[in-house]
Amino acid sequence: MPDPISFTNASARLGLPFLFTAQAQKEFTVNEALARLDALLHIAVEGTADEPPAAPVDGEAWLVGNTPAGEWADHASEVACRQSGNWLFQPPLTGMRLYDKSAGQQAMFDDGWSRASPIALPSGGATQDTEARAAIAGLVAALVAAGILA
């Protein structure tokens, strides 16, 4: 399914539409750019799915899975944002970050979406340094709280 709107003159990274000199109905172009910014700035997705939810709500965003179907077909690994009753798709860009609400963790795109793996806390060993272990546990807890680790 093609995107419902495409612009001949748009920004290179996010596809924000540019205004033309003496353009009629400028509000359409400006509103489309604002909708894209609203969808992508500080993005938090509900989770990853291959099909749209049964009752999507405007403002929701989802990370499209690797085998999309239905309205999301041909949009694998893209971010799908619900805006004004339609899906707005954004292909991921290198360095793009988002927060995955279902995982409680950040994800970053670099030739694919990746998340930090959990870190096992130290245990056992012949010599134990309880102060160092407490410091490591504190660092891991801080990274989990920041959404960097799960």
C-alpha atoms as a PDB file:
ATOM      1  CA  MET A   1       0.000   0.000   0.000  1.00  0.00           C
ATOM      2  CA  PRO A   2       1.583   3.320  -0.976  1.00  0.00           C
ATOM      3  CA  ASP A   3       1.880   6.134   1.509  1.00  0.00           C
ATOM      4  CA  PRO A   4      -1.207   8.364   1.240  1.00  0.00           C
ATOM      5  CA  ILE A   5       0.878  11.521   0.812  1.00  0.00           C
ATOM      6  CA  SER A   6       4.173  12.086  -0.949  1.00  0.00           C
ATOM      7  CA  PHE A   7       5.907  15.378  -1.556  1.00  0.00           C
ATOM      8  CA  THR A   8       8.189  16.266  -4.463  1.00  0.00           C
ATOM      9  CA  ASN A   9      10.258  18.655  -2.360  1.00  0.00           C
ATOM     10  CA  ALA A  10      10.988  17.422   1.167  1.00  0.00           C
ATOM     11  CA  SER A  11      13.818  17.289   3.691  1.00  0.00           C
ATOM     12  CA  ALA A  12      16.347  14.510   3.194  1.00  0.00           C
ATOM     13  CA  ARG A  13      16.181  12.813   6.612  1.00  0.00           C
ATOM     14  CA  LEU A  14      12.592  12.927   7.862  1.00  0.00           C
ATOM     15  CA  GLY A  15      10.768  13.793   4.631  1.00  0.00           C
ATOM     16  CA  LEU A  16       9.344  17.029   6.039  1.00  0.00           C
ATOM     17  CA  PRO A  17       7.613  18.870   3.177  1.00  0.00           C
ATOM     18  CA  PHE A  18       8.956  22.230   2.028  1.00  0.00           C
ATOM     19  CA  LEU A  19       6.788  25.175   1.017  1.00  0.00           C
ATOM     20  CA  PHE A  20       6.936  26.473  -2.554  1.00  0.00           C
ATOM     21  CA  THR A  21       6.925  30.153  -3.450  1.00  0.00           C
ATOM     22  CA  ALA A  22       3.337  31.390  -3.862  1.00  0.00           C
ATOM     23  CA  GLN A  23       2.012  27.952  -2.871  1.00  0.00           C
ATOM     24  CA  ALA A  24      -1.732  27.712  -2.369  1.00  0.00           C
ATOM     25  CA  GLN A  25      -3.038  25.925   0.725  1.00  0.00           C
ATOM     26  CA  LYS A  26       0.216  26.268   2.666  1.00  0.00           C
ATOM     27  CA  GLU A  27      -1.533  25.050   5.797  1.00  0.00           C
ATOM     28  CA  PHE A  28      -1.712  21.515   4.347  1.00  0.00           C
ATOM     29  CA  THR A  29       2.066  21.352   3.889  1.00  0.00           C
ATOM     30  CA  VAL A  30       2.813  22.941   7.258  1.00  0.00           C
ATOM     31  CA  ASN A  31       0.321  20.677   9.050  1.00  0.00           C
ATOM     32  CA  GLU A  32       1.850  17.576   7.428  1.00  0.00           C
ATOM     33  CA  ALA A  33       5.332  18.641   8.570  1.00  0.00           C
ATOM     34  CA  LEU A  34       4.049  19.275  12.106  1.00  0.00           C
ATOM     35  CA  ALA A  35       2.301  15.876  12.179  1.00  0.00           C
ATOM     36  CA  ARG A  36       5.552  14.128  11.201  1.00  0.00           C
ATOM     37  CA  LEU A  37       7.524  16.034  13.828  1.00  0.00           C
ATOM     38  CA  ASP A  38       4.884  15.245  16.449  1.00  0.00           C
ATOM     39  CA  ALA A  39       5.087  11.549  15.574  1.00  0.00           C
ATOM     40  CA  LEU A  40       8.882  11.262  15.526  1.00  0.00           C
ATOM     41  CA  LEU A  41      10.221  13.669  18.146  1.00  0.00           C
ATOM     42  CA  HIS A  42      11.019  11.798  21.393  1.00  0.00           C
ATOM     43  CA  ILE A  43       9.273   8.727  20.017  1.00  0.00           C
ATOM     44  CA  ALA A  44       7.957   5.988  22.281  1.00  0.00           C
ATOM     45  CA  VAL A  45       6.477   2.917  20.575  1.00  0.00           C
ATOM     46  CA  GLU A  46       3.875   0.630  22.135  1.00  0.00           C
ATOM     47  CA  GLY A  47       5.901  -2.404  21.042  1.00  0.00           C
ATOM     48  CA  THR A  48       6.783  -4.436  17.946  1.00  0.00           C
ATOM     49  CA  ALA A  49       4.068  -6.023  15.787  1.00  0.00           C
ATOM     50  CA  ASP A  50       3.598  -7.352  12.258  1.00  0.00           C
ATOM     51  CA  GLU A  51      -0.002  -6.148  11.967  1.00  0.00           C
ATOM     52  CA  PRO A  52      -1.725  -2.977  13.121  1.00  0.00           C
ATOM     53  CA  PRO A  53      -3.721  -3.170  16.352  1.00  0.00           C
ATOM     54  CA  ALA A  54      -7.457  -3.824  16.027  1.00  0.00           C
ATOM     55  CA  ALA A  55      -8.423  -0.440  17.503  1.00  0.00           C
ATOM     56  CA  PRO A  56      -5.546   1.985  16.917  1.00  0.00           C
ATOM     57  CA  VAL A  57      -5.554   5.319  18.713  1.00  0.00           C
ATOM     58  CA  ASP A  58      -4.215   8.536  17.198  1.00  0.00           C
ATOM     59  CA  GLY A  59      -0.811   9.292  18.662  1.00  0.00           C
ATOM     60  CA  GLU A  60       0.183   5.634  19.076  1.00  0.00           C
ATOM     61  CA  ALA A  61       3.385   4.450  17.441  1.00  0.00           C
ATOM     62  CA  TRP A  62       4.544   0.907  16.732  1.00  0.00           C
ATOM     63  CA  LEU A  63       7.740  -0.664  15.488  1.00  0.00           C
ATOM     64  CA  VAL A  64       6.774  -2.752  12.456  1.00  0.00           C
ATOM     65  CA  GLY A  65       8.134  -6.309  12.626  1.00  0.00           C
ATOM     66  CA  ASN A  66      10.069  -8.248   9.986  1.00  0.00           C
ATOM     67  CA  THR A  67       7.026  -9.889   8.340  1.00  0.00           C
ATOM     68  CA  PRO A  68       4.388  -7.151   8.175  1.00  0.00           C
ATOM     69  CA  ALA A  69       0.888  -7.771   6.848  1.00  0.00           C
ATOM     70  CA  GLY A  70      -2.257  -5.800   6.131  1.00  0.00           C
ATOM     71  CA  GLU A  71      -1.870  -2.035   6.148  1.00  0.00           C
ATOM     72  CA  TRP A  72       1.738  -2.463   7.273  1.00  0.00           C
ATOM     73  CA  ALA A  73       2.824  -4.679   4.343  1.00  0.00           C
ATOM     74  CA  ASP A  74       6.060  -3.442   2.708  1.00  0.00           C
ATOM     75  CA  HIS A  75       7.023  -1.435   5.823  1.00  0.00           C
ATOM     76  CA  ALA A  76       9.265  -3.927   7.684  1.00  0.00           C
ATOM     77  CA  SER A  77      11.355  -2.370  10.492  1.00  0.00           C
ATOM     78  CA  GLU A  78       9.750   1.048   9.969  1.00  0.00           C
ATOM     79  CA  VAL A  79       8.042   3.116  12.636  1.00  0.00           C
ATOM     80  CA  ALA A  80       4.261   3.267  12.135  1.00  0.00           C
ATOM     81  CA  CYS A  81       2.571   6.275  13.748  1.00  0.00           C
ATOM     82  CA  ARG A  82      -1.188   6.763  13.886  1.00  0.00           C
ATOM     83  CA  GLN A  83      -2.074  10.325  12.839  1.00  0.00           C
ATOM     84  CA  SER A  84      -5.568  11.607  11.984  1.00  0.00           C
ATOM     85  CA  GLY A  85      -6.920   8.108  11.408  1.00  0.00           C
ATOM     86  CA  ASN A  86      -4.099   7.081   9.041  1.00  0.00           C
ATOM     87  CA  TRP A  87      -0.745   5.338   9.411  1.00  0.00           C
ATOM     88  CA  LEU A  88       2.334   7.469   8.846  1.00  0.00           C
ATOM     89  CA  PHE A  89       5.450   5.376   8.151  1.00  0.00           C
ATOM     90  CA  GLN A  90       9.007   6.495   8.808  1.00  0.00           C
ATOM     91  CA  PRO A  91      11.874   4.384   7.503  1.00  0.00           C
ATOM     92  CA  PRO A  92      14.527   4.089  10.220  1.00  0.00           C
ATOM     93  CA  LEU A  93      17.687   6.158   9.912  1.00  0.00           C
ATOM     94  CA  THR A  94      21.105   5.243  11.263  1.00  0.00           C
ATOM     95  CA  GLY A  95      21.308   6.527  14.827  1.00  0.00           C
ATOM     96  CA  MET A  96      17.519   6.778  15.291  1.00  0.00           C
ATOM     97  CA  ARG A  97      16.520   5.974  18.869  1.00  0.00           C
ATOM     98  CA  LEU A  98      13.171   5.143  20.369  1.00  0.00           C
ATOM     99  CA  TYR A  99      11.725   3.935  23.637  1.00  0.00           C
ATOM    100  CA  ASP A 100       9.878   0.604  23.518  1.00  0.00           C
ATOM    101  CA  LYS A 101       7.148   0.735  26.188  1.00  0.00           C
ATOM    102  CA  SER A 102       6.488  -3.021  26.116  1.00  0.00           C
ATOM    103  CA  ALA A 103      10.164  -3.845  26.771  1.00  0.00           C
ATOM    104  CA  GLY A 104      10.798  -0.838  29.023  1.00  0.00           C
ATOM    105  CA  GLN A 105      13.967  -0.237  27.050  1.00  0.00           C
ATOM    106  CA  GLN A 106      15.542   1.986  24.416  1.00  0.00           C
ATOM    107  CA  ALA A 107      16.333   0.700  20.938  1.00  0.00           C
ATOM    108  CA  MET A 108      18.756   2.132  18.383  1.00  0.00           C
ATOM    109  CA  PHE A 109      18.871   1.623  14.623  1.00  0.00           C
ATOM    110  CA  ASP A 110      22.174   0.805  12.944  1.00  0.00           C
ATOM    111  CA  ASP A 111      21.516  -1.553  10.037  1.00  0.00           C
ATOM    112  CA  GLY A 112      18.752  -3.073  12.188  1.00  0.00           C
ATOM    113  CA  TRP A 113      17.108  -2.343  15.540  1.00  0.00           C
ATOM    114  CA  SER A 114      19.184  -3.336  18.556  1.00  0.00           C
ATOM    115  CA  ARG A 115      18.759  -3.259  22.319  1.00  0.00           C
ATOM    116  CA  ALA A 116      21.317  -3.721  25.060  1.00  0.00           C
ATOM    117  CA  SER A 117      21.490  -7.233  26.477  1.00  0.00           C
ATOM    118  CA  PRO A 118      20.904  -7.823  30.186  1.00  0.00           C
ATOM    119  CA  ILE A 119      24.065  -7.912  32.309  1.00  0.00           C
ATOM    120  CA  ALA A 120      24.480 -10.684  34.852  1.00  0.00           C
ATOM    121  CA  LEU A 121      25.415  -9.440  38.298  1.00  0.00           C
ATOM    122  CA  PRO A 122      28.661 -10.860  39.709  1.00  0.00           C
ATOM    123  CA  SER A 123      28.374 -13.939  41.889  1.00  0.00           C
ATOM    124  CA  GLY A 124      30.714 -16.577  43.282  1.00  0.00           C
ATOM    125  CA  GLY A 125      34.492 -16.524  42.968  1.00  0.00           C
ATOM    126  CA  ALA A 126      37.346 -17.250  45.384  1.00  0.00           C
ATOM    127  CA  THR A 127      37.839 -13.607  46.340  1.00  0.00           C
ATOM    128  CA  GLN A 128      34.800 -11.396  46.729  1.00  0.00           C
ATOM    129  CA  ASP A 129      34.807  -7.624  46.929  1.00  0.00           C
ATOM    130  CA  THR A 130      31.387  -6.702  48.320  1.00  0.00           C
ATOM    131  CA  GLU A 131      31.961  -2.970  47.812  1.00  0.00           C
ATOM    132  CA  ALA A 132      32.795  -3.437  44.117  1.00  0.00           C
ATOM    133  CA  ARG A 133      29.819  -5.761  43.664  1.00  0.00           C
ATOM    134  CA  ALA A 134      27.518  -3.200  45.268  1.00  0.00           C
ATOM    135  CA  ALA A 135      28.880  -0.520  42.917  1.00  0.00           C
ATOM    136  CA  ILE A 136      28.355  -2.744  39.862  1.00  0.00           C
ATOM    137  CA  ALA A 137      24.825  -3.610  41.014  1.00  0.00           C
ATOM    138  CA  GLY A 138      24.127   0.112  41.420  1.00  0.00           C
ATOM    139  CA  LEU A 139      25.387   0.857  37.894  1.00  0.00           C
ATOM    140  CA  VAL A 140      23.272  -1.924  36.404  1.00  0.00           C
ATOM    141  CA  ALA A 141      20.212  -0.673  38.329  1.00  0.00           C
ATOM    142  CA  ALA A 142      20.805   2.862  37.019  1.00  0.00           C
ATOM    143  CA  LEU A 143      21.078   1.596  33.423  1.00  0.00           C
ATOM    144  CA  VAL A 144      17.845  -0.385  33.845  1.00  0.00           C
ATOM    145  CA  ALA A 145      16.087   2.665  35.307  1.00  0.00           C
ATOM    146  CA  ALA A 146      17.274   4.761  32.338  1.00  0.00           C
ATOM    147  CA  GLY A 147      15.807   2.223  29.908  1.00  0.00           C
ATOM    148  CA  ILE A 148      19.201   1.322  28.467  1.00  0.00           C
ATOM    149  CA  LEU A 149      19.165  -2.231  29.838  1.00  0.00           C
ATOM    150  CA  ALA A 150      16.191  -4.483  30.433  1.00  0.00           C
END
